[in-house]
Protein backbone atom coordinates (compact mmCIF):
# COMPACT_ATOMS: atom_id res chain seq x y z
CA MET A 1 22.94 6.29 17.30
CA LYS A 2 19.46 6.72 15.72
CA THR A 3 17.54 3.86 14.20
CA ASN A 4 16.53 3.76 10.50
CA ALA A 5 12.93 4.69 11.51
CA GLU A 6 14.18 7.63 13.44
CA THR A 7 16.44 9.00 10.62
CA CYS A 8 13.72 8.56 7.92
CA SER A 9 13.33 11.87 6.25
CA ILE A 10 9.69 11.39 5.13
CA SER A 11 7.00 12.96 7.33
CA GLN A 12 4.74 10.64 9.23
CA ASN A 13 1.82 12.40 7.56
CA ASP A 14 2.97 11.03 4.14
CA GLU A 15 0.51 8.86 2.39
CA TRP A 16 2.49 5.86 1.30
CA GLY A 17 0.14 3.38 2.90
CA PRO A 18 0.42 0.69 5.69
CA VAL A 19 3.29 0.55 8.02
CA THR A 20 6.26 -1.43 6.49
CA LEU A 21 8.41 -3.99 8.31
CA MET A 22 11.56 -4.75 6.55
CA GLN A 23 15.09 -5.13 8.02
CA GLY A 24 13.76 -4.27 11.49
CA GLY A 25 12.49 -0.67 10.57
CA PHE A 26 9.02 0.46 11.24
CA HIS A 27 7.78 3.85 10.02
CA PRO A 28 4.43 5.05 8.87
CA GLY A 29 6.15 7.34 6.27
CA CYS A 30 7.82 4.34 4.46
CA PRO A 31 6.09 2.83 1.34
CA ASN A 32 4.70 -0.61 1.72
CA GLU A 33 6.22 -3.81 0.10
CA ALA A 34 3.94 -3.79 -2.94
CA GLU A 35 5.16 -0.23 -3.83
CA LEU A 36 8.78 -1.19 -3.32
CA LEU A 37 8.19 -4.15 -5.55
CA ALA A 38 6.64 -2.02 -8.21
CA PHE A 39 9.61 0.32 -8.03
CA CYS A 40 12.00 -2.64 -8.63
CA GLU A 41 9.91 -3.67 -11.62
CA HIS A 42 9.66 -0.10 -13.01
CA ASP A 43 5.82 -0.29 -12.63
CA LEU A 44 5.43 3.05 -10.81
CA PRO A 45 4.28 6.23 -12.57
CA GLY A 46 6.93 8.80 -13.06
CA TRP A 47 5.80 11.18 -10.17
CA LYS A 48 5.59 8.40 -7.69
CA ARG A 49 8.97 6.83 -8.68
CA SER A 50 10.65 10.34 -8.25
CA ARG A 51 9.10 10.63 -4.92
CA LEU A 52 10.23 7.23 -3.79
CA GLU A 53 13.71 7.79 -5.08
CA LYS A 54 13.93 10.93 -2.85
CA HIS A 55 12.71 8.81 0.08
CA LEU A 56 15.38 6.12 -0.65
CA GLY A 57 18.08 8.71 -0.44
CA ASP A 58 17.38 9.31 3.14
CA CYS A 59 15.96 5.91 4.42
CA GLU A 60 18.30 2.99 4.88
CA ALA A 61 15.62 0.64 5.95
CA CYS A 62 13.83 1.02 2.54
CA ARG A 63 17.14 0.61 0.66
CA GLU A 64 17.72 -2.68 2.55
CA SER A 65 14.24 -3.85 1.64
CA ILE A 66 14.81 -3.25 -2.06
CA ALA A 67 18.23 -4.94 -1.83
CA MET A 68 16.55 -8.01 -0.33
CA MET A 69 13.88 -8.04 -3.01
CA VAL A 70 16.41 -7.91 -5.78
CA THR A 71 18.64 -10.60 -4.17
CA LEU A 72 15.52 -12.97 -3.63
CA ASN A 73 14.33 -12.46 -7.19
CA ARG A 74 17.78 -12.85 -8.72
CA THR A 75 18.46 -16.00 -6.65
CA HIS A 76 15.10 -17.57 -7.86
CA ASP A 77 15.89 -16.74 -11.53
CA GLN A 78 19.36 -18.30 -11.45
CA ASP A 79 18.32 -21.52 -9.66
CA SER A 80 15.28 -22.07 -11.78
CA GLN A 81 13.94 -24.35 -9.09
CA GLU A 82 10.80 -24.65 -7.06
CA LEU A 83 10.47 -21.61 -4.71
CA GLY A 84 10.33 -23.96 -1.70
CA ALA A 85 13.78 -25.30 -2.50
CA VAL A 86 15.29 -21.87 -2.45
CA GLY A 87 13.98 -20.92 0.89
CA GLU A 88 16.28 -22.86 3.32
CA ASP A 89 19.62 -21.63 2.12
CA LEU A 90 18.33 -18.12 1.50
CA ILE A 91 16.92 -17.98 5.01
CA ARG A 92 20.14 -19.27 6.47
CA LYS A 93 22.30 -16.64 4.72
CA GLN A 94 19.85 -13.67 5.28
CA THR A 95 19.33 -14.65 8.95
CA ALA A 96 23.08 -14.75 9.66
CA ARG A 97 23.55 -11.45 7.82
CA ILE A 98 20.81 -9.65 9.72
CA VAL A 99 22.09 -11.00 13.02
CA ALA A 100 25.63 -9.80 12.32
CA ILE A 101 24.21 -6.39 11.46
CA ALA A 102 22.00 -6.17 14.51
CA GLY A 103 24.85 -7.51 16.82
CA ASN A 104 27.28 -4.89 15.61
CA ASP A 105 24.63 -2.22 16.08
CA GLU A 106 23.91 -3.39 19.59
CA VAL A 107 27.61 -3.27 20.53
CA ARG A 108 27.71 0.22 19.33
CA ARG A 109 24.69 1.15 21.32
CA THR A 110 26.03 -0.34 24.61
CA LYS A 111 29.10 1.91 24.35
CA THR A 112 27.04 5.09 24.16
CA THR A 113 25.65 6.88 27.15
CA GLU A 114 22.60 8.99 27.75
CA THR A 115 23.05 11.95 30.14
CA ARG A 116 20.26 12.13 32.76
CA GLY A 117 19.97 14.86 35.25
CA ALA A 118 23.16 16.51 36.51
CA GLY A 119 25.81 14.45 34.91
CA SER A 120 24.41 11.01 35.74
CA THR A 121 24.79 8.42 32.96
CA VAL A 122 23.26 5.13 32.20
CA PRO A 123 24.34 2.67 29.48
CA GLY A 124 22.24 2.92 26.34
CA ARG A 125 20.38 -0.18 25.26
CA ALA A 126 18.91 -1.13 21.78
CA ARG A 127 15.24 -1.00 21.87
CA THR A 128 12.50 -1.85 19.35
CA VAL A 129 9.92 0.76 18.28
CA PHE A 130 7.75 -0.47 21.03
CA GLY A 131 10.38 0.30 23.60
CA ILE A 132 11.24 -3.42 24.35
CA PRO A 133 14.97 -3.93 24.89
CA ILE A 134 16.77 -6.26 22.46
CA SER A 135 19.53 -8.12 24.12
CA SER A 136 19.14 -11.74 22.99
CA ARG A 137 20.86 -12.90 19.80
CA LEU A 138 18.20 -15.60 19.60
CA MET A 139 15.53 -12.99 19.49
CA LEU A 140 17.50 -11.26 16.73
CA ALA A 141 17.82 -14.45 14.76
CA THR A 142 14.00 -15.06 15.14
CA ALA A 143 13.24 -11.51 14.05
CA ALA A 144 15.53 -12.07 11.03
CA LEU A 145 13.81 -15.27 10.09
CA VAL A 146 10.43 -13.48 10.21
CA VAL A 147 11.66 -10.84 7.95
CA VAL A 148 12.78 -13.29 5.34
CA LEU A 149 9.57 -15.27 5.66
CA LEU A 150 7.60 -12.06 5.11
CA ALA A 151 9.68 -11.46 1.97
CA VAL A 152 9.05 -14.99 0.58
CA PRO A 153 5.39 -14.14 -0.41
CA VAL A 154 6.83 -11.28 -2.64
CA VAL A 155 8.80 -13.90 -4.57
CA PHE A 156 5.71 -15.97 -4.89
CA TRP A 157 3.75 -12.98 -6.16
CA THR A 158 6.53 -12.10 -8.65
CA GLN A 159 6.54 -15.67 -9.89
CA PHE A 160 2.90 -16.11 -10.42
CA ARG A 161 2.16 -12.45 -11.51
CA PRO A 162 -0.05 -12.64 -14.63
CA SER A 163 1.93 -12.06 -17.77
CA PRO A 164 1.08 -9.00 -20.01
CA THR A 165 -0.90 -11.28 -22.32
CA GLN A 166 -2.94 -12.75 -19.40
CA GLN A 167 -3.55 -9.16 -18.07
CA ALA A 168 -4.67 -8.07 -21.57
CA MET A 169 -7.12 -11.06 -21.92
CA GLN A 170 -8.46 -10.35 -18.39
CA ALA A 171 -9.18 -6.73 -19.45
CA LEU A 172 -10.61 -8.01 -22.67
CA VAL A 173 -13.07 -10.22 -20.98
CA MET A 174 -14.34 -7.38 -18.85
CA ALA A 175 -14.60 -5.03 -21.87
CA THR A 176 -16.67 -7.60 -23.91
CA ARG A 177 -18.85 -8.69 -21.04
CA PRO A 178 -21.69 -6.22 -21.87
CA GLY A 179 -21.62 -7.52 -25.44
CA ARG A 180 -19.39 -8.28 -28.42
CA HIS A 181 -18.76 -5.75 -31.15
CA SER A 182 -18.92 -8.36 -34.01
CA ALA A 183 -21.44 -10.96 -35.20
CA MET A 184 -18.46 -13.33 -35.06
CA LEU A 185 -16.79 -14.88 -32.05
CA VAL A 186 -13.07 -14.10 -31.39
CA SER A 187 -11.12 -17.05 -30.08
CA GLY A 188 -10.24 -17.09 -26.33
CA ILE A 189 -13.01 -14.70 -25.27
CA PRO A 190 -16.09 -16.11 -23.39
CA TYR A 191 -19.50 -15.81 -25.06
CA ALA A 192 -21.06 -12.34 -24.95
CA PRO A 193 -24.31 -11.29 -26.82
CA ASP A 194 -23.97 -9.57 -30.19
CA ILE A 195 -24.56 -5.72 -29.70
CA THR A 196 -23.64 -4.82 -33.32
CA THR A 197 -27.29 -4.40 -34.32
CA ARG A 198 -27.81 -2.05 -31.29
CA GLY A 199 -25.06 0.40 -32.35
CA GLY A 200 -22.28 -0.89 -30.12
CA ALA A 201 -23.93 0.21 -26.86
CA ASN A 202 -22.28 -0.26 -23.53
CA SER A 203 -18.76 -0.13 -24.94
CA ASP A 204 -16.18 -0.20 -22.26
CA ASP A 205 -13.54 1.87 -23.93
CA LEU A 206 -11.30 2.14 -20.80
CA MET A 207 -10.96 -1.57 -20.56
CA PHE A 208 -10.14 -1.87 -24.23
CA GLN A 209 -7.46 0.72 -23.82
CA LYS A 210 -6.12 -1.05 -20.80
CA ALA A 211 -6.07 -4.40 -22.73
CA GLU A 212 -4.23 -2.74 -25.77
CA SER A 213 -1.70 -0.91 -23.41
CA LYS A 214 -0.65 -4.35 -22.01
CA VAL A 215 0.42 -5.84 -25.34
CA LYS A 216 0.99 -2.78 -27.57
CA PHE A 217 4.77 -3.92 -27.47
CA ALA A 218 3.58 -6.77 -29.69
CA LEU A 219 3.80 -4.48 -32.72
CA ASP A 220 7.49 -5.31 -32.62
CA PRO A 221 8.07 -8.34 -34.86
CA SER A 222 10.32 -9.85 -32.19
CA ALA A 223 7.36 -10.42 -29.94
CA SER A 224 6.11 -13.97 -29.62
CA PRO A 225 3.17 -15.34 -31.76
CA GLU A 226 1.03 -15.50 -28.62
CA GLU A 227 1.69 -11.89 -27.71
CA ARG A 228 0.95 -10.74 -31.34
CA HIS A 229 -2.23 -12.87 -31.49
CA THR A 230 -3.42 -11.25 -28.13
CA LEU A 231 -2.98 -7.74 -29.62
CA ALA A 232 -4.93 -8.83 -32.68
CA ARG A 233 -7.61 -10.15 -30.47
CA VAL A 234 -7.95 -6.76 -28.74
CA TRP A 235 -8.42 -5.09 -32.11
CA LEU A 236 -10.94 -7.61 -33.32
CA ALA A 237 -12.93 -7.48 -30.07
CA ARG A 238 -13.07 -3.61 -30.19
CA ASN A 239 -13.75 -3.53 -33.87
CA GLU A 240 -13.52 0.21 -34.47
CA GLY A 241 -11.92 2.19 -37.33
CA ASN A 242 -9.09 0.11 -38.81
CA ASP A 243 -9.10 -2.47 -36.18
CA ALA A 244 -10.07 -5.35 -38.44
CA GLN A 245 -7.58 -4.43 -41.07
CA ASN A 246 -4.78 -4.03 -38.55
CA ALA A 247 -5.66 -7.38 -36.92
CA LEU A 248 -5.76 -9.22 -40.20
CA ALA A 249 -2.34 -7.76 -41.16
CA LEU A 250 -0.85 -8.97 -37.83
CA LEU A 251 -2.56 -12.41 -38.04
CA ASN A 252 -1.30 -12.93 -41.57
CA GLN A 253 2.29 -12.18 -40.45
CA ILE A 254 1.81 -14.88 -37.68
CA VAL A 255 0.71 -17.41 -40.23
CA SER A 256 3.56 -16.54 -42.61
CA SER A 257 6.04 -17.17 -39.72
CA GLY A 258 4.80 -20.76 -39.70
CA VAL A 259 2.08 -20.66 -36.81
CA ALA A 260 -1.23 -21.54 -38.17
CA ALA A 261 -3.19 -22.69 -35.19
CA PRO A 262 -6.98 -22.97 -35.46
CA GLU A 263 -7.39 -19.93 -33.26
CA THR A 264 -5.28 -17.86 -35.54
CA LEU A 265 -7.24 -19.03 -38.68
CA ASN A 266 -10.54 -18.39 -36.93
CA ASP A 267 -9.64 -14.87 -36.06
CA ILE A 268 -8.38 -14.23 -39.59
CA GLY A 269 -11.96 -15.24 -40.59
CA VAL A 270 -13.38 -12.83 -38.11
CA ALA A 271 -11.23 -9.94 -39.47
CA GLN A 272 -12.30 -10.82 -43.05
CA PHE A 273 -15.94 -11.01 -42.02
CA ASP A 274 -15.82 -7.56 -40.29
CA MET A 275 -14.28 -6.16 -43.45
CA GLY A 276 -17.18 -7.56 -45.61
CA LYS A 277 -15.18 -10.34 -47.17
CA TYR A 278 -17.64 -13.08 -46.33
CA ASP A 279 -16.45 -15.61 -48.90
CA GLU A 280 -12.84 -15.31 -47.68
CA ALA A 281 -13.95 -15.56 -44.12
CA ILE A 282 -15.68 -18.88 -44.92
CA VAL A 283 -12.52 -20.23 -46.38
CA SER A 284 -10.57 -19.28 -43.27
CA PHE A 285 -13.17 -20.86 -40.93
CA ASN A 286 -13.02 -24.03 -43.00
CA LYS A 287 -9.25 -24.12 -42.60
CA ALA A 288 -9.64 -23.78 -38.86
CA LEU A 289 -12.15 -26.52 -38.74
CA LYS A 290 -9.95 -28.78 -40.89
CA ARG A 291 -7.26 -28.55 -38.10
CA SER A 292 -9.88 -28.85 -35.33
CA PRO A 293 -13.26 -30.19 -36.47
CA GLY A 294 -14.92 -29.48 -33.15
CA PHE A 295 -13.75 -25.87 -32.83
CA ARG A 296 -16.85 -24.11 -31.61
CA GLU A 297 -15.93 -20.56 -32.48
CA ALA A 298 -15.12 -21.58 -36.12
CA LEU A 299 -18.37 -23.70 -36.45
CA PHE A 300 -20.47 -20.75 -35.23
CA ASN A 301 -18.65 -18.11 -37.24
CA ARG A 302 -18.78 -20.23 -40.46
CA ALA A 303 -22.49 -20.51 -40.00
CA GLY A 304 -22.84 -16.75 -39.60
CA ALA A 305 -20.64 -16.05 -42.55
CA GLU A 306 -22.75 -18.40 -44.76
CA LYS A 307 -25.77 -16.64 -43.56
CA ALA A 308 -24.35 -13.29 -44.58
CA SER A 309 -23.54 -14.69 -48.00
CA ALA A 310 -27.09 -15.93 -48.42
CA LEU A 311 -25.92 -19.58 -48.31
CA PHE A 312 -28.94 -20.47 -46.17
CA THR A 313 -28.72 -24.27 -46.59
CA GLU A 314 -25.11 -24.38 -45.69
CA SER A 315 -25.64 -22.05 -42.87
CA ILE A 316 -28.39 -24.21 -41.33
CA ARG A 317 -26.24 -27.20 -41.58
CA SER A 318 -23.26 -25.30 -39.94
CA PHE A 319 -25.51 -24.08 -37.04
CA GLU A 320 -26.86 -27.59 -36.53
CA ASP A 321 -23.21 -28.87 -36.42
CA PHE A 322 -22.52 -26.24 -33.88
CA MET A 323 -25.51 -27.28 -31.71
CA HIS A 324 -24.11 -30.91 -31.69
CA THR A 325 -21.00 -29.63 -29.85
CA ASN A 326 -23.34 -29.14 -26.81
CA PRO A 327 -22.65 -25.47 -26.32
CA ASP A 328 -23.27 -23.41 -23.37
CA ALA A 329 -26.92 -22.18 -22.97
CA ASP A 330 -26.15 -18.55 -24.22
CA TRP A 331 -24.30 -19.85 -27.32
CA GLY A 332 -27.06 -22.37 -27.93
CA ALA A 333 -29.81 -19.76 -27.69
CA GLU A 334 -28.18 -17.48 -30.19
CA ALA A 335 -27.61 -20.38 -32.62
CA ASP A 336 -31.21 -21.52 -32.22
CA ASN A 337 -32.47 -18.02 -32.94
CA ASN A 338 -30.42 -18.00 -36.09
CA LEU A 339 -31.78 -21.40 -37.08
CA ARG A 340 -35.36 -20.18 -36.66
CA THR A 341 -34.63 -17.19 -38.79
CA LEU A 342 -32.89 -19.18 -41.58
CA LYS A 343 -35.72 -21.76 -41.69
CA SER A 344 -38.24 -19.02 -42.01
CA LEU A 345 -36.32 -17.80 -45.05
CA SER A 346 -36.19 -21.23 -46.54
CA PRO A 347 -39.57 -22.99 -45.91
CA SER A 348 -38.41 -26.09 -47.69
CA LEU A 349 -35.75 -26.62 -45.03
CA ARG A 350 -38.16 -26.55 -42.00
């Protein structure tokens, strides 16, 4: 009887990646654990998924691996406990199962014979891929335990994998790192210099597309306010075409549903500012500050909107209030430059 590795239909020259160990089967043609997990979570591109499905039709080891992943993940979801609490019972059950499978396989192997020379026969023995005989049930139990322990990190990775909104924000931070596309500051995004006066240079369209793709599902009204707000942030940070209008519509829907967090109100003001509605933007920033008086983004943005409305005295006061929040050096430097400009326009306020 052949092993799973020997019966695998995929060529050893296949480019799945590193050698995989699951259920006792080694083979360089098998996909690695990350790809099997992506297959379970429907994260593989279509061509690669079809290729893996064909592989699974001929490779029992990989089918067992996927079954293990599904079992581990389902057990975790049902228990809703710490991962460490799941391990002991799961390891005991899985170890017993693998030992039973391996024991039955060994019995079958010992009954087979291999013909050598002219009719001489010797009993067949189970061997590992390294040619080492396996005859001890303790060794099999240890191997089973190792297999389960190797699978446990997969559960950890699944549990702590970033959510779509977190992945979108990570991509958005990278997209805006060279510079922001609005004079305003979108909530939740680290400071970046204003590049709007330089024609939007260094735009990372690929990262904006990646961020948008992660939360595009939030167009559905059933999405959570956080998911919908993240999509609005992507549009505001990109600030192209109808992005500001689309973001404003989405943010207004969030507020009408009863969620009016300072971050939401601030970003409504950002959208209004980018649409040239400076007075409305000031009102929105004031609403955000009423809920959170020390909210840096809203303080900075209100000052910028007042400057755009030629309310120089109010803008100076708002920038000074912002400076009192002890902003980071980059934020402080931009605010200070604005103060210098404003005071040059209003000599009586120097």
